[in-house]
PDB file of N, CA and C in Angstrom:
ATOM      1  N   MET A   1     109.804 112.333 131.152  1.00  0.00           N
ATOM      2  CA  MET A   1     109.850 112.605 132.464  1.00  0.00           C
ATOM      3  C   MET A   1     108.601 112.986 132.836  1.00  0.00           C
ATOM      4  N   GLU A   2     108.037 112.362 133.747  1.00  0.00           N
ATOM      5  CA  GLU A   2     106.859 112.447 134.247  1.00  0.00           C
ATOM      6  C   GLU A   2     106.784 114.043 135.588  1.00  0.00           C
ATOM      7  N   LEU A   3     106.282 114.567 135.350  1.00  0.00           N
ATOM      8  CA  LEU A   3     105.762 116.124 135.907  1.00  0.00           C
ATOM      9  C   LEU A   3     104.551 115.921 137.057  1.00  0.00           C
ATOM     10  N   THR A   4     104.724 116.390 138.078  1.00  0.00           N
ATOM     11  CA  THR A   4     103.651 116.505 138.812  1.00  0.00           C
ATOM     12  C   THR A   4     102.617 117.622 138.343  1.00  0.00           C
ATOM     13  N   THR A   5     101.773 117.807 138.790  1.00  0.00           N
ATOM     14  CA  THR A   5     100.741 118.627 138.433  1.00  0.00           C
ATOM     15  C   THR A   5     101.512 120.531 139.338  1.00  0.00           C
ATOM     16  N   GLU A   6     102.360 120.292 140.500  1.00  0.00           N
ATOM     17  CA  GLU A   6     102.633 121.346 140.674  1.00  0.00           C
ATOM     18  C   GLU A   6     104.235 121.889 139.962  1.00  0.00           C
ATOM     19  N   GLU A   7     105.098 120.488 139.526  1.00  0.00           N
ATOM     20  CA  GLU A   7     106.409 120.550 138.589  1.00  0.00           C
ATOM     21  C   GLU A   7     105.785 121.391 136.920  1.00  0.00           C
ATOM     22  N   LYS A   8     104.543 120.772 136.408  1.00  0.00           N
ATOM     23  CA  LYS A   8     103.787 121.550 135.242  1.00  0.00           C
ATOM     24  C   LYS A   8     103.479 122.923 135.430  1.00  0.00           C
ATOM     25  N   ALA A   9     103.014 123.354 136.531  1.00  0.00           N
ATOM     26  CA  ALA A   9     102.659 124.892 137.029  1.00  0.00           C
ATOM     27  C   ALA A   9     103.794 125.630 136.899  1.00  0.00           C
ATOM     28  N   LYS A  10     104.790 125.217 137.465  1.00  0.00           N
ATOM     29  CA  LYS A  10     106.245 125.570 137.549  1.00  0.00           C
ATOM     30  C   LYS A  10     107.199 126.089 136.269  1.00  0.00           C
ATOM     31  N   LEU A  11     106.974 124.792 135.425  1.00  0.00           N
ATOM     32  CA  LEU A  11     107.453 124.616 134.315  1.00  0.00           C
ATOM     33  C   LEU A  11     106.701 125.889 133.262  1.00  0.00           C
ATOM     34  N   LYS A  12     105.429 125.854 133.286  1.00  0.00           N
ATOM     35  CA  LYS A  12     104.527 127.039 132.782  1.00  0.00           C
ATOM     36  C   LYS A  12     105.185 128.482 133.021  1.00  0.00           C
ATOM     37  N   SER A  13     105.174 128.736 134.123  1.00  0.00           N
ATOM     38  CA  SER A  13     105.543 129.923 134.884  1.00  0.00           C
ATOM     39  C   SER A  13     106.782 130.420 134.360  1.00  0.00           C
ATOM     40  N   ASN A  14     107.699 129.384 134.470  1.00  0.00           N
ATOM     41  CA  ASN A  14     108.996 130.010 133.883  1.00  0.00           C
ATOM     42  C   ASN A  14     109.062 130.345 132.449  1.00  0.00           C
ATOM     43  N   ILE A  15     108.443 129.279 131.846  1.00  0.00           N
ATOM     44  CA  ILE A  15     108.413 129.725 130.279  1.00  0.00           C
ATOM     45  C   ILE A  15     107.762 131.099 130.005  1.00  0.00           C
ATOM     46  N   GLU A  16     106.837 131.302 130.838  1.00  0.00           N
ATOM     47  CA  GLU A  16     105.913 132.417 130.778  1.00  0.00           C
ATOM     48  C   GLU A  16     106.947 133.528 130.981  1.00  0.00           C
ATOM     49  N   ARG A  17     107.719 133.365 132.014  1.00  0.00           N
ATOM     50  CA  ARG A  17     108.584 134.456 132.301  1.00  0.00           C
ATOM     51  C   ARG A  17     109.545 134.785 131.080  1.00  0.00           C
ATOM     52  N   ILE A  18     110.641 133.511 130.457  1.00  0.00           N
ATOM     53  CA  ILE A  18     111.059 133.750 129.451  1.00  0.00           C
ATOM     54  C   ILE A  18     110.659 134.271 127.977  1.00  0.00           C
ATOM     55  N   LYS A  19     109.245 133.960 128.197  1.00  0.00           N
ATOM     56  CA  LYS A  19     108.434 134.657 126.970  1.00  0.00           C
ATOM     57  C   LYS A  19     108.032 136.346 127.097  1.00  0.00           C
ATOM     58  N   ALA A  20     108.111 136.339 128.356  1.00  0.00           N
ATOM     59  CA  ALA A  20     107.599 137.892 128.680  1.00  0.00           C
ATOM     60  C   ALA A  20     108.966 138.486 128.582  1.00  0.00           C
ATOM     61  N   TYR A  21     110.135 138.139 128.981  1.00  0.00           N
ATOM     62  CA  TYR A  21     111.716 138.920 129.048  1.00  0.00           C
ATOM     63  C   TYR A  21     111.848 138.890 127.406  1.00  0.00           C
ATOM     64  N   ILE A  22     111.815 137.943 126.454  1.00  0.00           N
ATOM     65  CA  ILE A  22     112.043 138.038 125.008  1.00  0.00           C
ATOM     66  C   ILE A  22     111.335 139.116 124.602  1.00  0.00           C
ATOM     67  N   GLU A  23     109.943 139.121 124.481  1.00  0.00           N
ATOM     68  CA  GLU A  23     108.948 140.012 123.837  1.00  0.00           C
ATOM     69  C   GLU A  23     109.583 141.307 124.484  1.00  0.00           C
ATOM     70  N   ALA A  24     109.723 141.587 126.038  1.00  0.00           N
ATOM     71  CA  ALA A  24     110.369 143.002 126.219  1.00  0.00           C
ATOM     72  C   ALA A  24     111.579 143.484 125.787  1.00  0.00           C
ATOM     73  N   GLU A  25     112.805 142.435 125.716  1.00  0.00           N
ATOM     74  CA  GLU A  25     114.116 142.804 125.606  1.00  0.00           C
ATOM     75  C   GLU A  25     114.899 142.558 124.411  1.00  0.00           C
ATOM     76  N   ILE A  26     114.357 141.485 123.824  1.00  0.00           N
ATOM     77  CA  ILE A  26     114.948 141.040 122.538  1.00  0.00           C
ATOM     78  C   ILE A  26     114.001 141.590 121.188  1.00  0.00           C
ATOM     79  N   SER A  27     112.818 140.953 121.145  1.00  0.00           N
ATOM     80  CA  SER A  27     112.318 141.160 119.967  1.00  0.00           C
ATOM     81  C   SER A  27     112.240 142.614 119.707  1.00  0.00           C
ATOM     82  N   PRO A  28     112.064 144.022 120.431  1.00  0.00           N
ATOM     83  CA  PRO A  28     111.965 145.192 119.805  1.00  0.00           C
ATOM     84  C   PRO A  28     113.341 145.669 119.587  1.00  0.00           C
ATOM     85  N   LYS A  29     114.176 144.588 119.971  1.00  0.00           N
ATOM     86  CA  LYS A  29     115.973 145.322 119.141  1.00  0.00           C
ATOM     87  C   LYS A  29     116.461 144.453 117.893  1.00  0.00           C
ATOM     88  N   LEU A  30     115.172 143.773 117.505  1.00  0.00           N
ATOM     89  CA  LEU A  30     115.782 142.963 116.446  1.00  0.00           C
ATOM     90  C   LEU A  30     115.932 143.852 114.992  1.00  0.00           C
ATOM     91  N   CYS A  31     115.024 145.098 114.696  1.00  0.00           N
ATOM     92  CA  CYS A  31     115.098 145.961 113.628  1.00  0.00           C
ATOM     93  C   CYS A  31     114.595 145.438 112.384  1.00  0.00           C
ATOM     94  N   GLY A  32     113.474 144.387 112.623  1.00  0.00           N
ATOM     95  CA  GLY A  32     112.836 143.522 111.670  1.00  0.00           C
ATOM     96  C   GLY A  32     113.420 142.253 111.214  1.00  0.00           C
ATOM     97  N   GLU A  33     114.671 141.872 111.995  1.00  0.00           N
ATOM     98  CA  GLU A  33     115.443 140.546 111.494  1.00  0.00           C
ATOM     99  C   GLU A  33     114.755 139.196 112.520  1.00  0.00           C
ATOM    100  N   ALA A  34     115.045 138.292 112.456  1.00  0.00           N
ATOM    101  CA  ALA A  34     114.518 137.273 112.631  1.00  0.00           C
ATOM    102  C   ALA A  34     115.694 136.287 113.421  1.00  0.00           C
ATOM    103  N   ILE A  35     115.787 135.558 114.417  1.00  0.00           N
ATOM    104  CA  ILE A  35     116.987 134.941 114.883  1.00  0.00           C
ATOM    105  C   ILE A  35     116.604 133.730 115.458  1.00  0.00           C
ATOM    106  N   THR A  36     117.162 132.623 115.275  1.00  0.00           N
ATOM    107  CA  THR A  36     117.187 131.517 115.752  1.00  0.00           C
ATOM    108  C   THR A  36     118.089 130.677 116.954  1.00  0.00           C
ATOM    109  N   VAL A  37     117.897 130.178 117.707  1.00  0.00           N
ATOM    110  CA  VAL A  37     118.945 129.635 118.720  1.00  0.00           C
ATOM    111  C   VAL A  37     118.599 128.412 118.675  1.00  0.00           C
ATOM    112  N   TYR A  38     119.267 127.432 118.473  1.00  0.00           N
ATOM    113  CA  TYR A  38     119.409 125.986 118.751  1.00  0.00           C
ATOM    114  C   TYR A  38     119.907 125.408 120.229  1.00  0.00           C
ATOM    115  N   PHE A  39     119.171 124.409 120.479  1.00  0.00           N
ATOM    116  CA  PHE A  39     119.948 124.335 122.099  1.00  0.00           C
ATOM    117  C   PHE A  39     119.049 122.712 122.123  1.00  0.00           C
ATOM    118  N   GLY A  40     119.907 122.150 123.200  1.00  0.00           N
ATOM    119  CA  GLY A  40     119.551 120.820 123.392  1.00  0.00           C
ATOM    120  C   GLY A  40     120.946 119.650 123.109  1.00  0.00           C
ATOM    121  N   ASN A  41     120.257 118.662 123.056  1.00  0.00           N
ATOM    122  CA  ASN A  41     121.427 117.387 122.563  1.00  0.00           C
ATOM    123  C   ASN A  41     121.609 117.715 121.227  1.00  0.00           C
ATOM    124  N   VAL A  42     123.016 117.302 120.603  1.00  0.00           N
ATOM    125  CA  VAL A  42     122.771 116.592 119.128  1.00  0.00           C
ATOM    126  C   VAL A  42     122.038 115.500 118.903  1.00  0.00           C
ATOM    127  N   VAL A  43     121.254 115.458 118.050  1.00  0.00           N
ATOM    128  CA  VAL A  43     120.267 114.462 117.532  1.00  0.00           C
ATOM    129  C   VAL A  43     120.642 114.142 116.042  1.00  0.00           C
ATOM    130  N   HIS A  44     120.334 112.983 115.580  1.00  0.00           N
ATOM    131  CA  HIS A  44     120.327 112.463 114.288  1.00  0.00           C
ATOM    132  C   HIS A  44     118.808 112.318 113.854  1.00  0.00           C
ATOM    133  N   PHE A  45     118.558 112.963 112.753  1.00  0.00           N
ATOM    134  CA  PHE A  45     116.984 113.491 112.094  1.00  0.00           C
ATOM    135  C   PHE A  45     117.018 112.898 111.315  1.00  0.00           C
ATOM    136  N   ALA A  46     115.656 112.536 110.745  1.00  0.00           N
ATOM    137  CA  ALA A  46     115.051 111.421 109.526  1.00  0.00           C
ATOM    138  C   ALA A  46     115.976 111.798 108.193  1.00  0.00           C
ATOM    139  N   ASN A  47     116.541 112.993 108.120  1.00  0.00           N
ATOM    140  CA  ASN A  47     116.853 113.195 106.659  1.00  0.00           C
ATOM    141  C   ASN A  47     118.068 113.114 106.598  1.00  0.00           C
ATOM    142  N   GLY A  48     118.661 112.450 107.458  1.00  0.00           N
ATOM    143  CA  GLY A  48     120.302 112.038 107.636  1.00  0.00           C
ATOM    144  C   GLY A  48     121.501 113.108 108.574  1.00  0.00           C
ATOM    145  N   THR A  49     120.762 114.136 108.485  1.00  0.00           N
ATOM    146  CA  THR A  49     121.866 115.057 109.426  1.00  0.00           C
ATOM    147  C   THR A  49     121.669 115.097 110.584  1.00  0.00           C
ATOM    148  N   THR A  50     122.682 115.995 111.429  1.00  0.00           N
ATOM    149  CA  THR A  50     122.849 115.932 112.753  1.00  0.00           C
ATOM    150  C   THR A  50     122.397 117.355 113.154  1.00  0.00           C
ATOM    151  N   GLY A  51     122.044 117.745 114.668  1.00  0.00           N
ATOM    152  CA  GLY A  51     121.752 119.021 114.758  1.00  0.00           C
ATOM    153  C   GLY A  51     121.193 118.852 116.309  1.00  0.00           C
ATOM    154  N   LYS A  52     121.350 120.435 116.983  1.00  0.00           N
ATOM    155  CA  LYS A  52     120.257 120.332 118.136  1.00  0.00           C
ATOM    156  C   LYS A  52     119.205 120.067 118.212  1.00  0.00           C
ATOM    157  N   GLN A  53     118.843 119.385 119.364  1.00  0.00           N
ATOM    158  CA  GLN A  53     117.464 118.897 119.172  1.00  0.00           C
ATOM    159  C   GLN A  53     115.876 119.781 119.240  1.00  0.00           C
ATOM    160  N   TYR A  54     116.451 120.939 120.021  1.00  0.00           N
ATOM    161  CA  TYR A  54     115.282 122.053 119.936  1.00  0.00           C
ATOM    162  C   TYR A  54     115.905 123.325 118.995  1.00  0.00           C
ATOM    163  N   ARG A  55     114.768 124.306 118.994  1.00  0.00           N
ATOM    164  CA  ARG A  55     115.155 125.604 118.615  1.00  0.00           C
ATOM    165  C   ARG A  55     114.384 126.492 118.993  1.00  0.00           C
ATOM    166  N   LEU A  56     115.016 128.149 119.425  1.00  0.00           N
ATOM    167  CA  LEU A  56     114.117 128.880 119.564  1.00  0.00           C
ATOM    168  C   LEU A  56     113.917 130.152 118.466  1.00  0.00           C
ATOM    169  N   TYR A  57     113.010 130.588 117.899  1.00  0.00           N
ATOM    170  CA  TYR A  57     112.637 131.573 116.891  1.00  0.00           C
ATOM    171  C   TYR A  57     112.006 132.576 117.652  1.00  0.00           C
ATOM    172  N   VAL A  58     112.863 133.909 117.144  1.00  0.00           N
ATOM    173  CA  VAL A  58     112.170 135.077 117.556  1.00  0.00           C
ATOM    174  C   VAL A  58     112.385 136.201 116.500  1.00  0.00           C
ATOM    175  N   ASP A  59     111.596 136.575 115.946  1.00  0.00           N
ATOM    176  CA  ASP A  59     111.410 137.952 115.309  1.00  0.00           C
ATOM    177  C   ASP A  59     110.477 138.922 116.062  1.00  0.00           C
ATOM    178  N   GLY A  60     110.120 140.188 115.217  1.00  0.00           N
ATOM    179  CA  GLY A  60     109.486 141.143 115.946  1.00  0.00           C
ATOM    180  C   GLY A  60     108.173 140.807 116.422  1.00  0.00           C
ATOM    181  N   ARG A  61     107.816 139.811 115.997  1.00  0.00           N
ATOM    182  CA  ARG A  61     106.099 139.715 116.227  1.00  0.00           C
ATOM    183  C   ARG A  61     105.785 138.361 117.127  1.00  0.00           C
ATOM    184  N   SER A  62     106.554 137.579 117.276  1.00  0.00           N
ATOM    185  CA  SER A  62     106.474 136.206 117.696  1.00  0.00           C
ATOM    186  C   SER A  62     107.807 135.606 118.564  1.00  0.00           C
ATOM    187  N   VAL A  63     107.276 134.557 119.152  1.00  0.00           N
ATOM    188  CA  VAL A  63     108.373 133.952 119.917  1.00  0.00           C
ATOM    189  C   VAL A  63     107.648 132.306 119.648  1.00  0.00           C
ATOM    190  N   CYS A  64     108.810 131.499 119.145  1.00  0.00           N
ATOM    191  CA  CYS A  64     108.074 130.080 118.930  1.00  0.00           C
ATOM    192  C   CYS A  64     109.050 129.343 118.989  1.00  0.00           C
ATOM    193  N   GLY A  65     109.005 128.021 118.689  1.00  0.00           N
ATOM    194  CA  GLY A  65     110.068 126.913 118.697  1.00  0.00           C
ATOM    195  C   GLY A  65     110.014 125.422 117.981  1.00  0.00           C
ATOM    196  N   GLY A  66     110.854 124.872 117.985  1.00  0.00           N
ATOM    197  CA  GLY A  66     110.433 123.704 117.664  1.00  0.00           C
ATOM    198  C   GLY A  66     111.313 122.569 117.900  1.00  0.00           C
ATOM    199  N   ALA A  67     111.055 121.099 117.382  1.00  0.00           N
ATOM    200  CA  ALA A  67     111.921 120.084 117.428  1.00  0.00           C
ATOM    201  C   ALA A  67     111.683 119.175 116.165  1.00  0.00           C
ATOM    202  N   GLY A  68     112.973 119.488 115.504  1.00  0.00           N
ATOM    203  CA  GLY A  68     113.168 118.642 114.086  1.00  0.00           C
ATOM    204  C   GLY A  68     112.421 119.189 113.302  1.00  0.00           C
ATOM    205  N   ASN A  69     111.211 118.848 112.708  1.00  0.00           N
ATOM    206  CA  ASN A  69     110.069 119.149 111.618  1.00  0.00           C
ATOM    207  C   ASN A  69     108.810 119.887 112.537  1.00  0.00           C
ATOM    208  N   LEU A  70     108.769 119.303 113.898  1.00  0.00           N
ATOM    209  CA  LEU A  70     107.656 120.089 114.680  1.00  0.00           C
ATOM    210  C   LEU A  70     107.847 121.354 114.812  1.00  0.00           C
ATOM    211  N   CYS A  71     106.987 122.339 114.763  1.00  0.00           N
ATOM    212  CA  CYS A  71     106.995 123.895 114.926  1.00  0.00           C
ATOM    213  C   CYS A  71     106.012 123.658 116.310  1.00  0.00           C
ATOM    214  N   MET A  72     106.701 124.461 117.332  1.00  0.00           N
ATOM    215  CA  MET A  72     105.625 124.239 118.645  1.00  0.00           C
ATOM    216  C   MET A  72     105.893 125.829 119.318  1.00  0.00           C
ATOM    217  N   ASN A  73     104.764 126.115 119.925  1.00  0.00           N
ATOM    218  CA  ASN A  73     104.139 127.408 120.631  1.00  0.00           C
ATOM    219  C   ASN A  73     104.915 127.193 121.870  1.00  0.00           C
ATOM    220  N   LEU A  74     105.334 128.283 122.525  1.00  0.00           N
ATOM    221  CA  LEU A  74     105.925 128.411 123.950  1.00  0.00           C
ATOM    222  C   LEU A  74     105.002 127.898 124.732  1.00  0.00           C
ATOM    223  N   LEU A  75     104.058 128.532 124.896  1.00  0.00           N
ATOM    224  CA  LEU A  75     102.849 128.282 125.535  1.00  0.00           C
ATOM    225  C   LEU A  75     101.602 127.558 125.002  1.00  0.00           C
ATOM    226  N   PRO A  76     100.787 126.767 125.740  1.00  0.00           N
ATOM    227  CA  PRO A  76      99.635 126.292 125.270  1.00  0.00           C
ATOM    228  C   PRO A  76      98.778 127.521 124.668  1.00  0.00           C
ATOM    229  N   THR A  77      98.127 127.160 123.423  1.00  0.00           N
ATOM    230  CA  THR A  77      97.457 128.011 122.797  1.00  0.00           C
ATOM    231  C   THR A  77      95.594 127.951 123.289  1.00  0.00           C
ATOM    232  N   GLY A  78      95.538 126.624 123.693  1.00  0.00           N
ATOM    233  CA  GLY A  78      94.043 126.560 124.199  1.00  0.00           C
ATOM    234  C   GLY A  78      93.320 125.662 122.929  1.00  0.00           C
ATOM    235  N   THR A  79      93.964 125.385 121.709  1.00  0.00           N
ATOM    236  CA  THR A  79      93.383 124.835 120.866  1.00  0.00           C
ATOM    237  C   THR A  79      94.111 123.139 120.911  1.00  0.00           C
ATOM    238  N   GLN A  80      93.119 122.400 120.374  1.00  0.00           N
ATOM    239  CA  GLN A  80      93.572 120.525 120.566  1.00  0.00           C
ATOM    240  C   GLN A  80      93.608 120.321 119.219  1.00  0.00           C
ATOM    241  N   GLU A  81      94.561 121.303 118.070  1.00  0.00           N
ATOM    242  CA  GLU A  81      94.541 120.775 116.744  1.00  0.00           C
ATOM    243  C   GLU A  81      95.349 119.832 116.812  1.00  0.00           C
ATOM    244  N   PHE A  82      95.262 118.852 115.484  1.00  0.00           N
ATOM    245  CA  PHE A  82      96.409 117.907 115.226  1.00  0.00           C
ATOM    246  C   PHE A  82      97.833 118.679 115.111  1.00  0.00           C
ATOM    247  N   GLY A  83      98.451 118.175 115.455  1.00  0.00           N
ATOM    248  CA  GLY A  83      99.874 119.065 115.123  1.00  0.00           C
ATOM    249  C   GLY A  83     100.632 120.063 116.197  1.00  0.00           C
ATOM    250  N   CYS A  84      99.328 120.571 116.850  1.00  0.00           N
ATOM    251  CA  CYS A  84      99.689 121.714 118.084  1.00  0.00           C
ATOM    252  C   CYS A  84     100.419 121.149 119.135  1.00  0.00           C
ATOM    253  N   ALA A  85     101.651 121.731 119.223  1.00  0.00           N
ATOM    254  CA  ALA A  85     102.433 121.417 120.170  1.00  0.00           C
ATOM    255  C   ALA A  85     102.768 122.571 120.889  1.00  0.00           C
ATOM    256  N   ASP A  86     103.360 122.511 122.281  1.00  0.00           N
ATOM    257  CA  ASP A  86     103.903 123.630 122.810  1.00  0.00           C
ATOM    258  C   ASP A  86     105.025 123.194 124.012  1.00  0.00           C
ATOM    259  N   PHE A  87     105.807 123.893 124.468  1.00  0.00           N
ATOM    260  CA  PHE A  87     107.013 123.701 125.262  1.00  0.00           C
ATOM    261  C   PHE A  87     106.491 123.367 126.277  1.00  0.00           C
ATOM    262  N   CYS A  88     105.154 123.676 127.143  1.00  0.00           N
ATOM    263  CA  CYS A  88     104.556 123.148 128.412  1.00  0.00           C
ATOM    264  C   CYS A  88     103.904 121.622 127.979  1.00  0.00           C
ATOM    265  N   THR A  89     103.521 121.149 126.921  1.00  0.00           N
ATOM    266  CA  THR A  89     102.725 119.714 126.920  1.00  0.00           C
ATOM    267  C   THR A  89     103.986 119.136 126.649  1.00  0.00           C
ATOM    268  N   ARG A  90     104.922 119.264 125.813  1.00  0.00           N
ATOM    269  CA  ARG A  90     106.133 118.670 125.448  1.00  0.00           C
ATOM    270  C   ARG A  90     107.114 118.738 126.825  1.00  0.00           C
ATOM    271  N   SER A  91     106.771 118.186 127.839  1.00  0.00           N
ATOM    272  CA  SER A  91     107.620 118.817 128.665  1.00  0.00           C
ATOM    273  C   SER A  91     109.195 118.547 128.929  1.00  0.00           C
ATOM    274  N   ASP A  92     109.559 117.636 127.999  1.00  0.00           N
ATOM    275  CA  ASP A  92     111.301 117.400 127.608  1.00  0.00           C
ATOM    276  C   ASP A  92     111.689 118.535 126.983  1.00  0.00           C
ATOM    277  N   ALA A  93     110.734 119.457 126.196  1.00  0.00           N
ATOM    278  CA  ALA A  93     111.558 120.482 125.493  1.00  0.00           C
ATOM    279  C   ALA A  93     111.399 121.725 126.248  1.00  0.00           C
ATOM    280  N   GLY A  94     110.140 121.810 127.308  1.00  0.00           N
ATOM    281  CA  GLY A  94     110.284 122.481 128.466  1.00  0.00           C
ATOM    282  C   GLY A  94     111.514 122.654 129.249  1.00  0.00           C
ATOM    283  N   LEU A  95     111.759 121.500 130.117  1.00  0.00           N
ATOM    284  CA  LEU A  95     112.624 121.303 130.382  1.00  0.00           C
ATOM    285  C   LEU A  95     113.887 121.920 129.845  1.00  0.00           C
ATOM    286  N   GLU A  96     114.564 121.458 128.937  1.00  0.00           N
ATOM    287  CA  GLU A  96     115.524 121.845 128.327  1.00  0.00           C
ATOM    288  C   GLU A  96     115.625 123.241 127.794  1.00  0.00           C
ATOM    289  N   LEU A  97     114.334 123.805 127.594  1.00  0.00           N
ATOM    290  CA  LEU A  97     114.407 125.060 127.657  1.00  0.00           C
ATOM    291  C   LEU A  97     114.957 125.858 128.742  1.00  0.00           C
ATOM    292  N   ILE A  98     114.441 125.703 129.667  1.00  0.00           N
ATOM    293  CA  ILE A  98     114.922 125.890 131.249  1.00  0.00           C
ATOM    294  C   ILE A  98     116.233 125.713 131.502  1.00  0.00           C
ATOM    295  N   HIS A  99     116.523 124.507 131.449  1.00  0.00           N
ATOM    296  CA  HIS A  99     117.640 124.051 131.641  1.00  0.00           C
ATOM    297  C   HIS A  99     118.733 124.926 130.819  1.00  0.00           C
ATOM    298  N   SER A 100     118.404 125.192 129.674  1.00  0.00           N
ATOM    299  CA  SER A 100     119.450 125.746 128.636  1.00  0.00           C
ATOM    300  C   SER A 100     119.167 127.594 128.620  1.00  0.00           C
ATOM    301  N   TRP A 101     118.524 127.950 129.201  1.00  0.00           N
ATOM    302  CA  TRP A 101     118.554 129.426 129.426  1.00  0.00           C
ATOM    303  C   TRP A 101     119.413 130.294 129.394  1.00  0.00           C
ATOM    304  N   PRO A 102     120.421 130.068 130.491  1.00  0.00           N
ATOM    305  CA  PRO A 102     121.410 130.793 130.490  1.00  0.00           C
ATOM    306  C   PRO A 102     122.386 130.814 129.156  1.00  0.00           C
ATOM    307  N   ALA A 103     122.369 130.206 128.604  1.00  0.00           N
ATOM    308  CA  ALA A 103     123.226 130.005 127.110  1.00  0.00           C
ATOM    309  C   ALA A 103     122.173 130.664 125.961  1.00  0.00           C
ATOM    310  N   ILE A 104     121.226 130.037 126.277  1.00  0.00           N
ATOM    311  CA  ILE A 104     120.169 130.889 125.249  1.00  0.00           C
ATOM    312  C   ILE A 104     120.304 132.344 125.287  1.00  0.00           C
ATOM    313  N   LYS A 105     120.089 133.161 126.484  1.00  0.00           N
ATOM    314  CA  LYS A 105     119.523 134.010 126.688  1.00  0.00           C
ATOM    315  C   LYS A 105     121.061 134.623 126.480  1.00  0.00           C
ATOM    316  N   GLN A 106     122.306 134.292 126.505  1.00  0.00           N
ATOM    317  CA  GLN A 106     123.569 134.915 126.116  1.00  0.00           C
ATOM    318  C   GLN A 106     123.315 134.840 124.563  1.00  0.00           C
ATOM    319  N   GLU A 107     123.097 133.860 123.951  1.00  0.00           N
ATOM    320  CA  GLU A 107     123.242 133.770 122.526  1.00  0.00           C
ATOM    321  C   GLU A 107     122.353 134.751 121.881  1.00  0.00           C
ATOM    322  N   LEU A 108     120.913 135.209 122.462  1.00  0.00           N
ATOM    323  CA  LEU A 108     119.765 136.099 121.955  1.00  0.00           C
ATOM    324  C   LEU A 108     120.922 137.672 122.119  1.00  0.00           C
ATOM    325  N   LEU A 109     121.327 137.407 123.144  1.00  0.00           N
ATOM    326  CA  LEU A 109     122.106 139.082 123.615  1.00  0.00           C
ATOM    327  C   LEU A 109     123.056 139.402 122.281  1.00  0.00           C
ATOM    328  N   GLN A 110     123.732 137.914 122.159  1.00  0.00           N
ATOM    329  CA  GLN A 110     124.902 138.061 121.135  1.00  0.00           C
ATOM    330  C   GLN A 110     124.088 138.985 119.829  1.00  0.00           C
ATOM    331  N   LYS A 111     123.225 137.946 119.489  1.00  0.00           N
ATOM    332  CA  LYS A 111     122.559 138.697 118.422  1.00  0.00           C
ATOM    333  C   LYS A 111     122.362 140.226 117.986  1.00  0.00           C
ATOM    334  N   VAL A 112     121.139 140.244 118.945  1.00  0.00           N
ATOM    335  CA  VAL A 112     120.890 141.573 119.402  1.00  0.00           C
ATOM    336  C   VAL A 112     121.868 142.750 119.350  1.00  0.00           C
ATOM    337  N   GLN A 113     123.095 142.466 119.661  1.00  0.00           N
ATOM    338  CA  GLN A 113     124.286 143.058 119.711  1.00  0.00           C
ATOM    339  C   GLN A 113     124.729 143.346 118.440  1.00  0.00           C
ATOM    340  N   ASN A 114     124.630 141.909 117.708  1.00  0.00           N
ATOM    341  CA  ASN A 114     125.299 142.230 116.486  1.00  0.00           C
ATOM    342  C   ASN A 114     124.375 143.236 115.417  1.00  0.00           C
ATOM    343  N   VAL A 115     123.028 142.775 115.402  1.00  0.00           N
ATOM    344  CA  VAL A 115     121.942 143.635 114.864  1.00  0.00           C
ATOM    345  C   VAL A 115     122.485 145.001 114.660  1.00  0.00           C
ATOM    346  N   ALA A 116     122.500 145.489 116.519  1.00  0.00           N
ATOM    347  CA  ALA A 116     122.737 146.762 116.541  1.00  0.00           C
ATOM    348  C   ALA A 116     124.111 147.359 116.186  1.00  0.00           C
ATOM    349  N   GLU A 117     125.428 146.524 115.894  1.00  0.00           N
ATOM    350  CA  GLU A 117     126.183 146.787 115.301  1.00  0.00           C
ATOM    351  C   GLU A 117     126.544 147.250 113.802  1.00  0.00           C
ATOM    352  N   ARG A 118     125.592 146.282 113.532  1.00  0.00           N
ATOM    353  CA  ARG A 118     125.306 146.418 111.393  1.00  0.00           C
ATOM    354  C   ARG A 118     124.652 148.136 111.560  1.00  0.00           C
ATOM    355  N   LYS A 119     123.590 148.097 112.357  1.00  0.00           N
ATOM    356  CA  LYS A 119     123.013 149.145 112.082  1.00  0.00           C
ATOM    357  C   LYS A 119     123.751 150.489 112.498  1.00  0.00           C
ATOM    358  N   SER A 120     124.472 150.116 113.263  1.00  0.00           N
ATOM    359  CA  SER A 120     125.259 151.563 113.869  1.00  0.00           C
ATOM    360  C   SER A 120     126.278 151.829 112.757  1.00  0.00           C
ATOM    361  N   SER A 121     126.865 150.849 111.975  1.00  0.00           N
ATOM    362  CA  SER A 121     127.652 151.242 110.730  1.00  0.00           C
ATOM    363  C   SER A 121     127.243 152.233 109.765  1.00  0.00           C
ATOM    364  N   LEU A 122     126.033 152.383 109.649  1.00  0.00           N
ATOM    365  CA  LEU A 122     125.253 153.154 108.999  1.00  0.00           C
ATOM    366  C   LEU A 122     125.651 154.841 109.509  1.00  0.00           C
ATOM    367  N   ASP A 123     125.895 154.725 110.366  1.00  0.00           N
ATOM    368  CA  ASP A 123     126.283 156.023 111.203  1.00  0.00           C
ATOM    369  C   ASP A 123     127.212 156.673 111.233  1.00  0.00           C
ATOM    370  N   ASN A 124     128.598 155.642 111.210  1.00  0.00           N
ATOM    371  CA  ASN A 124     129.921 155.517 111.124  1.00  0.00           C
ATOM    372  C   ASN A 124     130.163 155.067 110.032  1.00  0.00           C
ATOM    373  N   PHE A 125     129.880 155.194 108.928  1.00  0.00           N
ATOM    374  CA  PHE A 125     130.660 154.527 107.482  1.00  0.00           C
ATOM    375  C   PHE A 125     131.398 155.740 107.429  1.00  0.00           C
ATOM    376  N   GLU A 126     132.807 155.104 107.015  1.00  0.00           N
ATOM    377  CA  GLU A 126     133.965 155.842 106.404  1.00  0.00           C
ATOM    378  C   GLU A 126     134.564 155.431 105.341  1.00  0.00           C
ATOM    379  N   LEU A 127     135.001 156.218 104.196  1.00  0.00           N
ATOM    380  CA  LEU A 127     135.456 155.651 103.213  1.00  0.00           C
ATOM    381  C   LEU A 127     136.875 155.528 103.370  1.00  0.00           C
TER     382      LEU A 127
END
């Protein structure tokens, strides 16, 4: 899908907001764990498996994603190195991230809750 300059700016702005939310509300609560959320259409990969088209990876230090075997930054880094991709440049990935954000957010919050529950079991342990 071709995006206008204005639409590209909106896409980047929305992805910046998502990244800021994750860094403020999700990453600090992971207690050193890393989580991955898969989203998008189910596709067939070259290795013969099927799965969701995109992924979002979050840990205490970074937020990134990918499509298949391609690792992607959420936002452009300013480098034009071979293999360097992001959710803004690959607008198909960025649009799917925006479209799927409500479900992605719910899954992230659920995973944070799971981490908190496991950690609280230390305080509530009984034989």
